[in-house]
């Protein structure tokens, strides 16, 4: 599954957090360079700045190209409230902490045609939306195929038991989590509405991570 940011596993769906307007106050999260990597982009974000950004938007580097990254999931179609964007998760070859990125683009365009395992070059602008780093793609080209690799993690690295920096390192990363217990099969919102998902933990009383 693709993880959210740093709320201890309570973020319900990174795909539904896609923004359509990069209206943040910051214009550049770093020098414009051709050697950006997913890890460099993820680590360039100032968490305090993105948390305080107007409207939740913090603009980052523009016209960035990531080369030879792997599509980690099938595309998520119509991920924004206006149904104008598709999304997909990419990772550096081999995956691992700091090496996942959420990418969005126009509905029905190149992103919708991608498949898990496609190796791509992608160009676009980077922004943080409520501290979720997003890549707004303007061009995507498939260069080959390679199976995505899931990072094996534990509940000490991800969820309410993890340190904030550990949760942040696993943002948008393809992960594998095993030997956990379902602690609440029908979670409800604060208004009492049941939504699609379930809590897991180290035992039946431990709500450590929300899986959706």
Protein backbone atom coordinates (compact mmCIF):
# COMPACT_ATOMS: atom_id res chain seq x y z
CA UNK A 1 0.00 0.00 0.00
CA UNK A 2 1.08 3.57 -0.47
CA UNK A 3 1.59 5.45 2.75
CA UNK A 4 0.55 8.97 3.65
CA UNK A 5 2.61 11.57 5.50
CA UNK A 6 3.07 11.86 9.26
CA UNK A 7 -0.29 11.42 10.96
CA UNK A 8 0.43 8.01 12.39
CA UNK A 9 -1.41 6.11 9.67
CA UNK A 10 -4.62 8.09 9.86
CA UNK A 11 -4.39 9.67 6.44
CA UNK A 12 -7.12 7.94 4.50
CA UNK A 13 -6.06 8.24 0.88
CA UNK A 14 -3.09 10.02 -0.58
CA UNK A 15 -4.74 9.84 -3.98
CA UNK A 16 -7.61 12.03 -2.87
CA UNK A 17 -5.31 14.79 -1.67
CA UNK A 18 -4.32 15.95 -5.15
CA UNK A 19 -4.47 19.71 -5.64
CA UNK A 20 -5.35 21.65 -8.75
CA UNK A 21 -3.86 25.00 -7.80
CA UNK A 22 -0.32 25.52 -6.56
CA UNK A 23 -1.12 28.72 -4.72
CA UNK A 24 1.48 28.51 -1.98
CA UNK A 25 3.66 31.39 -0.93
CA UNK A 26 7.01 29.72 -1.59
CA UNK A 27 8.11 29.68 -5.21
CA UNK A 28 11.16 27.42 -5.09
CA UNK A 29 12.12 24.58 -2.74
CA UNK A 30 15.63 24.38 -4.14
CA UNK A 31 17.93 25.11 -7.07
CA UNK A 32 16.67 24.21 -10.53
CA UNK A 33 18.81 21.29 -11.56
CA UNK A 34 18.72 18.35 -13.92
CA UNK A 35 19.97 15.87 -11.30
CA UNK A 36 16.96 15.86 -8.99
CA UNK A 37 16.01 12.48 -7.57
CA UNK A 38 12.88 11.46 -5.68
CA UNK A 39 14.90 11.28 -2.46
CA UNK A 40 16.34 14.79 -2.95
CA UNK A 41 12.89 16.21 -3.66
CA UNK A 42 11.35 14.54 -0.61
CA UNK A 43 14.16 15.68 1.68
CA UNK A 44 14.12 19.25 0.36
CA UNK A 45 10.74 19.98 1.96
CA UNK A 46 10.64 22.08 5.13
CA UNK A 47 7.89 20.46 7.19
CA UNK A 48 7.19 23.61 9.21
CA UNK A 49 6.85 25.69 6.04
CA UNK A 50 4.50 23.27 4.32
CA UNK A 51 2.37 22.92 7.46
CA UNK A 52 1.90 26.70 7.58
CA UNK A 53 1.50 27.31 3.82
CA UNK A 54 -1.61 29.29 2.76
CA UNK A 55 -4.36 26.97 1.54
CA UNK A 56 -2.10 24.00 2.18
CA UNK A 57 -0.03 24.63 -0.97
CA UNK A 58 3.76 25.04 -0.94
CA UNK A 59 5.37 25.42 -4.38
CA UNK A 60 8.62 23.59 -5.08
CA UNK A 61 11.05 23.24 -7.99
CA UNK A 62 9.66 23.67 -11.51
CA UNK A 63 10.40 21.85 -14.76
CA UNK A 64 12.04 18.95 -12.93
CA UNK A 65 12.80 15.74 -14.83
CA UNK A 66 13.04 12.37 -13.09
CA UNK A 67 14.67 9.72 -15.27
CA UNK A 68 14.26 5.96 -15.10
CA UNK A 69 11.73 5.81 -12.27
CA UNK A 70 9.36 2.86 -11.87
CA UNK A 71 5.56 2.95 -11.77
CA UNK A 72 4.71 1.30 -8.44
CA UNK A 73 0.91 1.06 -8.71
CA UNK A 74 -1.82 1.02 -11.33
CA UNK A 75 -3.07 4.57 -12.02
CA UNK A 76 -5.67 6.07 -9.70
CA UNK A 77 -8.27 7.68 -11.96
CA UNK A 78 -10.06 10.96 -11.21
CA UNK A 79 -8.30 11.60 -7.92
CA UNK A 80 -9.34 15.23 -7.34
CA UNK A 81 -12.76 16.58 -6.36
CA UNK A 82 -13.33 18.07 -9.82
CA UNK A 83 -12.35 14.78 -11.49
CA UNK A 84 -9.78 16.47 -13.70
CA UNK A 85 -6.67 14.62 -12.50
CA UNK A 86 -5.34 11.08 -12.53
CA UNK A 87 -2.60 9.94 -10.17
CA UNK A 88 0.03 7.25 -9.87
CA UNK A 89 2.84 6.38 -7.46
CA UNK A 90 6.41 6.21 -8.76
CA UNK A 91 9.54 4.97 -7.08
CA UNK A 92 13.26 4.88 -7.64
CA UNK A 93 14.45 1.51 -8.92
CA UNK A 94 14.74 -0.71 -5.86
CA UNK A 95 12.37 1.45 -3.81
CA UNK A 96 12.89 2.03 -0.11
CA UNK A 97 12.50 4.95 2.32
CA UNK A 98 12.46 8.46 0.76
CA UNK A 99 12.08 6.94 -2.69
CA UNK A 100 8.35 7.20 -3.42
CA UNK A 101 6.56 10.04 -5.22
CA UNK A 102 2.91 10.79 -5.93
CA UNK A 103 2.42 12.03 -9.50
CA UNK A 104 -0.70 13.69 -10.90
CA UNK A 105 -1.70 14.75 -14.41
CA UNK A 106 -4.73 15.53 -16.60
CA UNK A 107 -7.45 12.87 -16.60
CA UNK A 108 -7.28 10.52 -19.58
CA UNK A 109 -3.76 11.59 -20.57
CA UNK A 110 -0.45 9.70 -20.30
CA UNK A 111 -0.77 8.77 -16.62
CA UNK A 112 -4.01 6.84 -17.18
CA UNK A 113 -2.20 4.60 -19.67
CA UNK A 114 0.67 3.63 -17.38
CA UNK A 115 1.03 0.16 -15.88
CA UNK A 116 2.78 -1.00 -12.73
CA UNK A 117 6.32 -1.88 -13.74
CA UNK A 118 6.68 0.72 -16.48
CA UNK A 119 10.01 2.55 -16.32
CA UNK A 120 9.43 6.19 -17.19
CA UNK A 121 10.97 9.62 -17.53
CA UNK A 122 8.64 12.27 -16.14
CA UNK A 123 8.86 16.07 -16.28
CA UNK A 124 6.81 18.52 -14.26
CA UNK A 125 6.52 20.85 -11.29
CA UNK A 126 6.75 19.86 -7.63
CA UNK A 127 4.46 21.08 -4.84
CA UNK A 128 3.44 20.07 -1.36
CA UNK A 129 -0.26 19.87 -0.56
CA UNK A 130 -0.75 19.72 3.21
CA UNK A 131 2.79 18.29 3.39
CA UNK A 132 2.16 15.55 0.82
CA UNK A 133 4.81 16.00 -1.87
CA UNK A 134 3.22 15.86 -5.34
CA UNK A 135 4.67 15.97 -8.84
CA UNK A 136 2.43 17.70 -11.41
CA UNK A 137 3.47 15.97 -14.62
CA UNK A 138 3.62 17.80 -17.94
CA UNK A 139 5.29 14.99 -19.90
CA UNK A 140 5.64 11.25 -19.36
CA UNK A 141 7.49 8.77 -21.58
CA UNK A 142 7.86 5.01 -21.10
CA UNK A 143 11.41 3.71 -21.46
CA UNK A 144 11.11 0.07 -20.43
CA UNK A 145 9.82 -2.24 -17.69
CA UNK A 146 11.05 -3.35 -14.28
CA UNK A 147 9.09 -4.84 -11.40
CA UNK A 148 8.52 -2.40 -8.51
CA UNK A 149 10.03 -3.45 -5.17
CA UNK A 150 8.10 -3.14 -1.90
CA UNK A 151 10.03 -2.11 1.21
CA UNK A 152 9.36 -4.41 4.18
CA UNK A 153 8.38 -2.31 7.23
CA UNK A 154 7.08 -2.83 10.76
CA UNK A 155 4.59 -0.98 12.96
CA UNK A 156 7.57 0.61 14.71
CA UNK A 157 8.38 2.37 11.41
CA UNK A 158 4.88 3.22 10.22
CA UNK A 159 1.80 4.40 12.10
CA UNK A 160 1.17 5.80 15.56
CA UNK A 161 4.13 3.96 17.12
CA UNK A 162 6.62 5.39 14.63
CA UNK A 163 8.59 8.60 14.95
CA UNK A 164 7.38 11.43 12.67
CA UNK A 165 10.59 11.25 10.65
CA UNK A 166 10.03 7.53 10.03
CA UNK A 167 6.49 8.13 8.80
CA UNK A 168 7.75 10.96 6.58
CA UNK A 169 10.46 8.76 5.07
CA UNK A 170 7.78 6.29 3.97
CA UNK A 171 5.51 8.88 2.32
CA UNK A 172 4.29 7.52 -1.05
CA UNK A 173 6.58 4.48 -0.70
CA UNK A 174 5.41 1.03 -1.77
CA UNK A 175 5.59 -1.03 1.43
CA UNK A 176 4.99 -4.56 2.67
CA UNK A 177 3.65 -5.06 6.20
CA UNK A 178 3.12 -8.48 7.74
CA UNK A 179 2.24 -10.21 11.02
CA UNK A 180 -0.29 -7.60 12.13
CA UNK A 181 -3.71 -8.04 13.75
CA UNK A 182 -6.95 -6.41 12.62
CA UNK A 183 -8.01 -4.27 15.60
CA UNK A 184 -11.08 -2.56 14.12
CA UNK A 185 -12.68 -3.95 10.93
CA UNK A 186 -15.22 -1.10 10.52
CA UNK A 187 -13.70 2.25 11.49
CA UNK A 188 -15.96 5.29 11.69
CA UNK A 189 -15.35 8.97 11.23
CA UNK A 190 -15.93 11.51 13.99
CA UNK A 191 -19.46 11.94 12.63
CA UNK A 192 -20.15 8.21 12.91
CA UNK A 193 -19.88 7.48 9.18
CA UNK A 194 -18.30 4.14 8.25
CA UNK A 195 -15.66 4.33 5.54
CA UNK A 196 -13.69 1.78 3.54
CA UNK A 197 -10.78 0.55 5.61
CA UNK A 198 -9.66 -1.19 8.79
CA UNK A 199 -7.25 -0.63 11.66
CA UNK A 200 -4.34 -2.99 12.30
CA UNK A 201 -1.97 -3.25 15.23
CA UNK A 202 0.28 -5.53 17.22
CA UNK A 203 -2.76 -7.00 18.98
CA UNK A 204 -6.54 -6.69 18.97
CA UNK A 205 -6.47 -3.57 21.17
CA UNK A 206 -3.81 -1.73 19.19
CA UNK A 207 -5.01 0.81 16.60
CA UNK A 208 -1.59 1.47 15.09
CA UNK A 209 -2.27 1.95 11.40
CA UNK A 210 -5.34 2.62 9.27
CA UNK A 211 -5.41 0.60 6.06
CA UNK A 212 -7.72 1.87 3.29
